[in-house]
PDB file of all heavy atoms in Angstrom:
ATOM      1  N   PHE A   1      55.161  52.346 -23.882  1.00  0.00           N
ATOM      2  CA  PHE A   1      56.552  52.332 -24.223  1.00  0.00           C
ATOM      3  C   PHE A   1      57.101  53.713 -24.616  1.00  0.00           C
ATOM      4  O   PHE A   1      56.321  54.555 -24.994  1.00  0.00           O
ATOM      5  CB  PHE A   1      56.927  51.274 -25.271  1.00  0.00           C
ATOM      6  CG  PHE A   1      56.507  49.918 -24.935  1.00  0.00           C
ATOM      7  CD1 PHE A   1      55.264  49.365 -25.382  1.00  0.00           C
ATOM      8  CD2 PHE A   1      57.342  49.072 -24.235  1.00  0.00           C
ATOM      9  CE1 PHE A   1      54.936  48.090 -25.032  1.00  0.00           C
ATOM     10  CE2 PHE A   1      56.995  47.790 -23.901  1.00  0.00           C
ATOM     11  CZ  PHE A   1      55.730  47.233 -24.275  1.00  0.00           C
ATOM     12  N   HIS A   2      58.398  53.968 -24.533  1.00  0.00           N
ATOM     13  CA  HIS A   2      58.963  55.196 -24.867  1.00  0.00           C
ATOM     14  C   HIS A   2      60.133  54.961 -25.859  1.00  0.00           C
ATOM     15  O   HIS A   2      60.676  53.917 -25.921  1.00  0.00           O
ATOM     16  CB  HIS A   2      59.478  55.937 -23.653  1.00  0.00           C
ATOM     17  CG  HIS A   2      58.421  56.177 -22.631  1.00  0.00           C
ATOM     18  ND1 HIS A   2      57.527  57.258 -22.747  1.00  0.00           N
ATOM     19  CD2 HIS A   2      58.111  55.578 -21.484  1.00  0.00           C
ATOM     20  CE1 HIS A   2      56.667  57.250 -21.713  1.00  0.00           C
ATOM     21  NE2 HIS A   2      57.041  56.221 -20.932  1.00  0.00           N
ATOM     22  N   SER A   3      60.442  55.941 -26.656  1.00  0.00           N
ATOM     23  CA  SER A   3      61.646  55.899 -27.513  1.00  0.00           C
ATOM     24  C   SER A   3      62.846  56.346 -26.628  1.00  0.00           C
ATOM     25  O   SER A   3      63.007  55.833 -25.509  1.00  0.00           O
ATOM     26  CB  SER A   3      61.483  56.789 -28.746  1.00  0.00           C
ATOM     27  OG  SER A   3      61.148  58.128 -28.396  1.00  0.00           O
ATOM     28  N   TYR A   4      63.678  57.292 -27.009  1.00  0.00           N
ATOM     29  CA  TYR A   4      64.760  57.707 -26.169  1.00  0.00           C
ATOM     30  C   TYR A   4      64.241  58.303 -24.940  1.00  0.00           C
ATOM     31  O   TYR A   4      63.363  59.176 -24.897  1.00  0.00           O
ATOM     32  CB  TYR A   4      65.752  58.631 -26.873  1.00  0.00           C
ATOM     33  CG  TYR A   4      67.017  58.766 -26.106  1.00  0.00           C
ATOM     34  CD1 TYR A   4      68.116  57.894 -26.257  1.00  0.00           C
ATOM     35  CD2 TYR A   4      67.191  59.788 -25.112  1.00  0.00           C
ATOM     36  CE1 TYR A   4      69.282  57.979 -25.556  1.00  0.00           C
ATOM     37  CE2 TYR A   4      68.349  59.883 -24.347  1.00  0.00           C
ATOM     38  CZ  TYR A   4      69.389  58.992 -24.610  1.00  0.00           C
ATOM     39  OH  TYR A   4      70.584  59.085 -23.877  1.00  0.00           O
ATOM     40  N   HIS A   5      64.718  57.824 -23.709  1.00  0.00           N
ATOM     41  CA  HIS A   5      64.065  58.190 -22.479  1.00  0.00           C
ATOM     42  C   HIS A   5      65.063  57.899 -21.349  1.00  0.00           C
ATOM     43  O   HIS A   5      65.896  57.007 -21.431  1.00  0.00           O
ATOM     44  CB  HIS A   5      62.882  57.326 -22.270  1.00  0.00           C
ATOM     45  CG  HIS A   5      61.961  57.838 -21.123  1.00  0.00           C
ATOM     46  ND1 HIS A   5      61.331  59.063 -21.110  1.00  0.00           N
ATOM     47  CD2 HIS A   5      61.620  57.243 -19.985  1.00  0.00           C
ATOM     48  CE1 HIS A   5      60.629  59.224 -19.973  1.00  0.00           C
ATOM     49  NE2 HIS A   5      60.760  58.030 -19.284  1.00  0.00           N
ATOM     50  N   ALA A   6      65.005  58.772 -20.328  1.00  0.00           N
ATOM     51  CA  ALA A   6      65.892  58.558 -19.108  1.00  0.00           C
ATOM     52  C   ALA A   6      65.199  57.636 -18.185  1.00  0.00           C
ATOM     53  O   ALA A   6      64.505  58.015 -17.285  1.00  0.00           O
ATOM     54  CB  ALA A   6      66.200  59.909 -18.476  1.00  0.00           C
ATOM     55  N   ARG A   7      65.351  56.300 -18.363  1.00  0.00           N
ATOM     56  CA  ARG A   7      64.768  55.269 -17.548  1.00  0.00           C
ATOM     57  C   ARG A   7      65.512  55.185 -16.210  1.00  0.00           C
ATOM     58  O   ARG A   7      66.729  55.401 -16.127  1.00  0.00           O
ATOM     59  CB  ARG A   7      64.744  53.964 -18.276  1.00  0.00           C
ATOM     60  CG  ARG A   7      63.832  53.948 -19.570  1.00  0.00           C
ATOM     61  CD  ARG A   7      64.158  52.830 -20.505  1.00  0.00           C
ATOM     62  NE  ARG A   7      63.168  52.837 -21.591  1.00  0.00           N
ATOM     63  CZ  ARG A   7      63.290  53.579 -22.761  1.00  0.00           C
ATOM     64  NH1 ARG A   7      64.375  54.329 -22.836  1.00  0.00           N
ATOM     65  NH2 ARG A   7      62.386  53.503 -23.656  1.00  0.00           N
ATOM     66  N   GLY A   8      64.829  54.780 -15.179  1.00  0.00           N
ATOM     67  CA  GLY A   8      65.392  54.648 -13.880  1.00  0.00           C
ATOM     68  C   GLY A   8      64.438  54.138 -12.864  1.00  0.00           C
ATOM     69  O   GLY A   8      63.213  54.072 -13.127  1.00  0.00           O
ATOM     70  N   ALA A   9      64.921  53.793 -11.707  1.00  0.00           N
ATOM     71  CA  ALA A   9      64.113  53.360 -10.596  1.00  0.00           C
ATOM     72  C   ALA A   9      64.772  53.767  -9.247  1.00  0.00           C
ATOM     73  O   ALA A   9      65.885  53.310  -8.998  1.00  0.00           O
ATOM     74  CB  ALA A   9      63.898  51.852 -10.597  1.00  0.00           C
ATOM     75  N   THR A  10      64.132  54.550  -8.507  1.00  0.00           N
ATOM     76  CA  THR A  10      64.591  54.927  -7.134  1.00  0.00           C
ATOM     77  C   THR A  10      63.331  55.258  -6.364  1.00  0.00           C
ATOM     78  O   THR A  10      62.202  55.399  -6.850  1.00  0.00           O
ATOM     79  CB  THR A  10      65.629  55.952  -7.176  1.00  0.00           C
ATOM     80  OG1 THR A  10      66.339  56.033  -5.925  1.00  0.00           O
ATOM     81  CG2 THR A  10      65.073  57.396  -7.491  1.00  0.00           C
ATOM     82  N   GLU A  11      63.523  55.608  -5.045  1.00  0.00           N
ATOM     83  CA  GLU A  11      62.428  55.960  -4.207  1.00  0.00           C
ATOM     84  C   GLU A  11      61.663  57.221  -4.773  1.00  0.00           C
ATOM     85  O   GLU A  11      62.343  58.241  -5.004  1.00  0.00           O
ATOM     86  CB  GLU A  11      62.922  56.289  -2.800  1.00  0.00           C
ATOM     87  CG  GLU A  11      61.809  56.702  -1.877  1.00  0.00           C
ATOM     88  CD  GLU A  11      62.353  57.118  -0.492  1.00  0.00           C
ATOM     89  OE1 GLU A  11      62.909  56.220   0.224  1.00  0.00           O
ATOM     90  OE2 GLU A  11      62.337  58.294  -0.163  1.00  0.00           O
ATOM     91  N   GLY A  12      60.397  57.047  -5.082  1.00  0.00           N
ATOM     92  CA  GLY A  12      59.593  58.119  -5.546  1.00  0.00           C
ATOM     93  C   GLY A  12      59.765  58.438  -7.056  1.00  0.00           C
ATOM     94  O   GLY A  12      59.215  59.386  -7.543  1.00  0.00           O
ATOM     95  N   ASP A  13      60.496  57.670  -7.733  1.00  0.00           N
ATOM     96  CA  ASP A  13      60.725  57.938  -9.183  1.00  0.00           C
ATOM     97  C   ASP A  13      61.019  56.652  -9.954  1.00  0.00           C
ATOM     98  O   ASP A  13      62.135  56.229 -10.028  1.00  0.00           O
ATOM     99  CB  ASP A  13      61.916  58.921  -9.343  1.00  0.00           C
ATOM    100  CG  ASP A  13      62.199  59.332 -10.820  1.00  0.00           C
ATOM    101  OD1 ASP A  13      61.260  59.143 -11.616  1.00  0.00           O
ATOM    102  OD2 ASP A  13      63.308  59.872 -11.023  1.00  0.00           O
ATOM    103  N   ILE A  14      59.904  56.087 -10.455  1.00  0.00           N
ATOM    104  CA  ILE A  14      60.010  54.862 -11.266  1.00  0.00           C
ATOM    105  C   ILE A  14      59.680  55.201 -12.780  1.00  0.00           C
ATOM    106  O   ILE A  14      58.637  55.688 -13.059  1.00  0.00           O
ATOM    107  CB  ILE A  14      59.108  53.787 -10.828  1.00  0.00           C
ATOM    108  CG1 ILE A  14      59.257  53.468  -9.301  1.00  0.00           C
ATOM    109  CG2 ILE A  14      59.216  52.537 -11.666  1.00  0.00           C
ATOM    110  CD1 ILE A  14      60.579  52.900  -8.939  1.00  0.00           C
ATOM    111  N   ARG A  15      60.716  55.050 -13.630  1.00  0.00           N
ATOM    112  CA  ARG A  15      60.508  55.312 -15.024  1.00  0.00           C
ATOM    113  C   ARG A  15      60.975  54.022 -15.741  1.00  0.00           C
ATOM    114  O   ARG A  15      62.143  53.842 -16.119  1.00  0.00           O
ATOM    115  CB  ARG A  15      61.280  56.536 -15.484  1.00  0.00           C
ATOM    116  CG  ARG A  15      60.800  57.812 -14.984  1.00  0.00           C
ATOM    117  CD  ARG A  15      61.672  58.959 -15.314  1.00  0.00           C
ATOM    118  NE  ARG A  15      62.667  59.170 -14.266  1.00  0.00           N
ATOM    119  CZ  ARG A  15      63.717  59.991 -14.415  1.00  0.00           C
ATOM    120  NH1 ARG A  15      63.953  60.602 -15.557  1.00  0.00           N
ATOM    121  NH2 ARG A  15      64.571  60.047 -13.396  1.00  0.00           N
ATOM    122  N   ASP A  16      60.083  53.108 -15.972  1.00  0.00           N
ATOM    123  CA  ASP A  16      60.431  51.726 -16.435  1.00  0.00           C
ATOM    124  C   ASP A  16      59.363  51.309 -17.443  1.00  0.00           C
ATOM    125  O   ASP A  16      58.192  51.215 -17.101  1.00  0.00           O
ATOM    126  CB  ASP A  16      60.509  50.835 -15.193  1.00  0.00           C
ATOM    127  CG  ASP A  16      60.907  49.415 -15.578  1.00  0.00           C
ATOM    128  OD1 ASP A  16      61.298  49.208 -16.719  1.00  0.00           O
ATOM    129  OD2 ASP A  16      60.717  48.483 -14.729  1.00  0.00           O
ATOM    130  N   ASP A  17      59.807  50.982 -18.643  1.00  0.00           N
ATOM    131  CA  ASP A  17      58.881  50.436 -19.671  1.00  0.00           C
ATOM    132  C   ASP A  17      59.419  49.051 -20.125  1.00  0.00           C
ATOM    133  O   ASP A  17      59.028  48.673 -21.262  1.00  0.00           O
ATOM    134  CB  ASP A  17      58.712  51.416 -20.824  1.00  0.00           C
ATOM    135  CG  ASP A  17      59.995  51.557 -21.609  1.00  0.00           C
ATOM    136  OD1 ASP A  17      61.011  51.191 -21.242  1.00  0.00           O
ATOM    137  OD2 ASP A  17      59.857  52.244 -22.709  1.00  0.00           O
ATOM    138  N   GLY A  18      60.189  48.374 -19.323  1.00  0.00           N
ATOM    139  CA  GLY A  18      60.672  47.073 -19.698  1.00  0.00           C
ATOM    140  C   GLY A  18      61.934  47.117 -20.593  1.00  0.00           C
ATOM    141  O   GLY A  18      62.361  46.008 -21.002  1.00  0.00           O
ATOM    142  N   THR A  19      62.477  48.294 -20.805  1.00  0.00           N
ATOM    143  CA  THR A  19      63.706  48.443 -21.655  1.00  0.00           C
ATOM    144  C   THR A  19      64.946  48.419 -20.847  1.00  0.00           C
ATOM    145  O   THR A  19      65.118  49.258 -19.972  1.00  0.00           O
ATOM    146  CB  THR A  19      63.578  49.669 -22.523  1.00  0.00           C
ATOM    147  OG1 THR A  19      62.352  49.675 -23.230  1.00  0.00           O
ATOM    148  CG2 THR A  19      64.721  49.836 -23.414  1.00  0.00           C
ATOM    149  N   ILE A  20      65.805  47.492 -21.128  1.00  0.00           N
ATOM    150  CA  ILE A  20      67.080  47.293 -20.431  1.00  0.00           C
ATOM    151  C   ILE A  20      68.186  47.812 -21.300  1.00  0.00           C
ATOM    152  O   ILE A  20      68.275  47.592 -22.469  1.00  0.00           O
ATOM    153  CB  ILE A  20      67.350  45.801 -20.135  1.00  0.00           C
ATOM    154  CG1 ILE A  20      66.248  45.246 -19.167  1.00  0.00           C
ATOM    155  CG2 ILE A  20      68.743  45.564 -19.586  1.00  0.00           C
ATOM    156  CD1 ILE A  20      66.293  45.776 -17.844  1.00  0.00           C
ATOM    157  N   ALA A  21      69.147  48.555 -20.623  1.00  0.00           N
ATOM    158  CA  ALA A  21      70.332  49.079 -21.299  1.00  0.00           C
ATOM    159  C   ALA A  21      71.566  48.351 -20.767  1.00  0.00           C
ATOM    160  O   ALA A  21      71.933  48.543 -19.600  1.00  0.00           O
ATOM    161  CB  ALA A  21      70.469  50.558 -21.072  1.00  0.00           C
ATOM    162  N   PRO A  22      72.206  47.554 -21.539  1.00  0.00           N
ATOM    163  CA  PRO A  22      73.474  46.810 -21.011  1.00  0.00           C
ATOM    164  C   PRO A  22      74.466  47.706 -20.320  1.00  0.00           C
ATOM    165  O   PRO A  22      75.072  47.331 -19.431  1.00  0.00           O
ATOM    166  CB  PRO A  22      73.978  46.112 -22.257  1.00  0.00           C
ATOM    167  CG  PRO A  22      72.791  45.870 -23.138  1.00  0.00           C
ATOM    168  CD  PRO A  22      71.923  47.145 -22.905  1.00  0.00           C
ATOM    169  N   THR A  23      74.610  48.942 -20.800  1.00  0.00           N
ATOM    170  CA  THR A  23      75.622  49.864 -20.273  1.00  0.00           C
ATOM    171  C   THR A  23      75.268  50.108 -18.778  1.00  0.00           C
ATOM    172  O   THR A  23      76.241  50.406 -17.983  1.00  0.00           O
ATOM    173  CB  THR A  23      75.701  51.213 -21.023  1.00  0.00           C
ATOM    174  OG1 THR A  23      76.802  51.895 -20.538  1.00  0.00           O
ATOM    175  CG2 THR A  23      74.403  51.970 -20.892  1.00  0.00           C
ATOM    176  N   ALA A  24      74.024  50.009 -18.363  1.00  0.00           N
ATOM    177  CA  ALA A  24      73.673  50.321 -16.984  1.00  0.00           C
ATOM    178  C   ALA A  24      74.322  49.349 -16.047  1.00  0.00           C
ATOM    179  O   ALA A  24      74.961  49.785 -15.012  1.00  0.00           O
ATOM    180  CB  ALA A  24      72.168  50.282 -16.788  1.00  0.00           C
ATOM    181  N   ALA A  25      74.279  48.057 -16.268  1.00  0.00           N
ATOM    182  CA  ALA A  25      74.928  47.079 -15.438  1.00  0.00           C
ATOM    183  C   ALA A  25      76.420  47.016 -15.679  1.00  0.00           C
ATOM    184  O   ALA A  25      77.231  46.985 -14.710  1.00  0.00           O
ATOM    185  CB  ALA A  25      74.288  45.721 -15.700  1.00  0.00           C
ATOM    186  N   ALA A  26      76.798  47.040 -16.951  1.00  0.00           N
ATOM    187  CA  ALA A  26      78.269  46.997 -17.288  1.00  0.00           C
ATOM    188  C   ALA A  26      79.040  48.096 -16.672  1.00  0.00           C
ATOM    189  O   ALA A  26      80.123  47.943 -16.162  1.00  0.00           O
ATOM    190  CB  ALA A  26      78.438  46.950 -18.805  1.00  0.00           C
TER     191      ALA A  26
END
């Protein structure tokens, strides 16, 4: 897990530790 972190998912770049940010979908 990470504290503050630029999470994301795209081709060749997965940065995911199970943390969801509501602002991303909203």
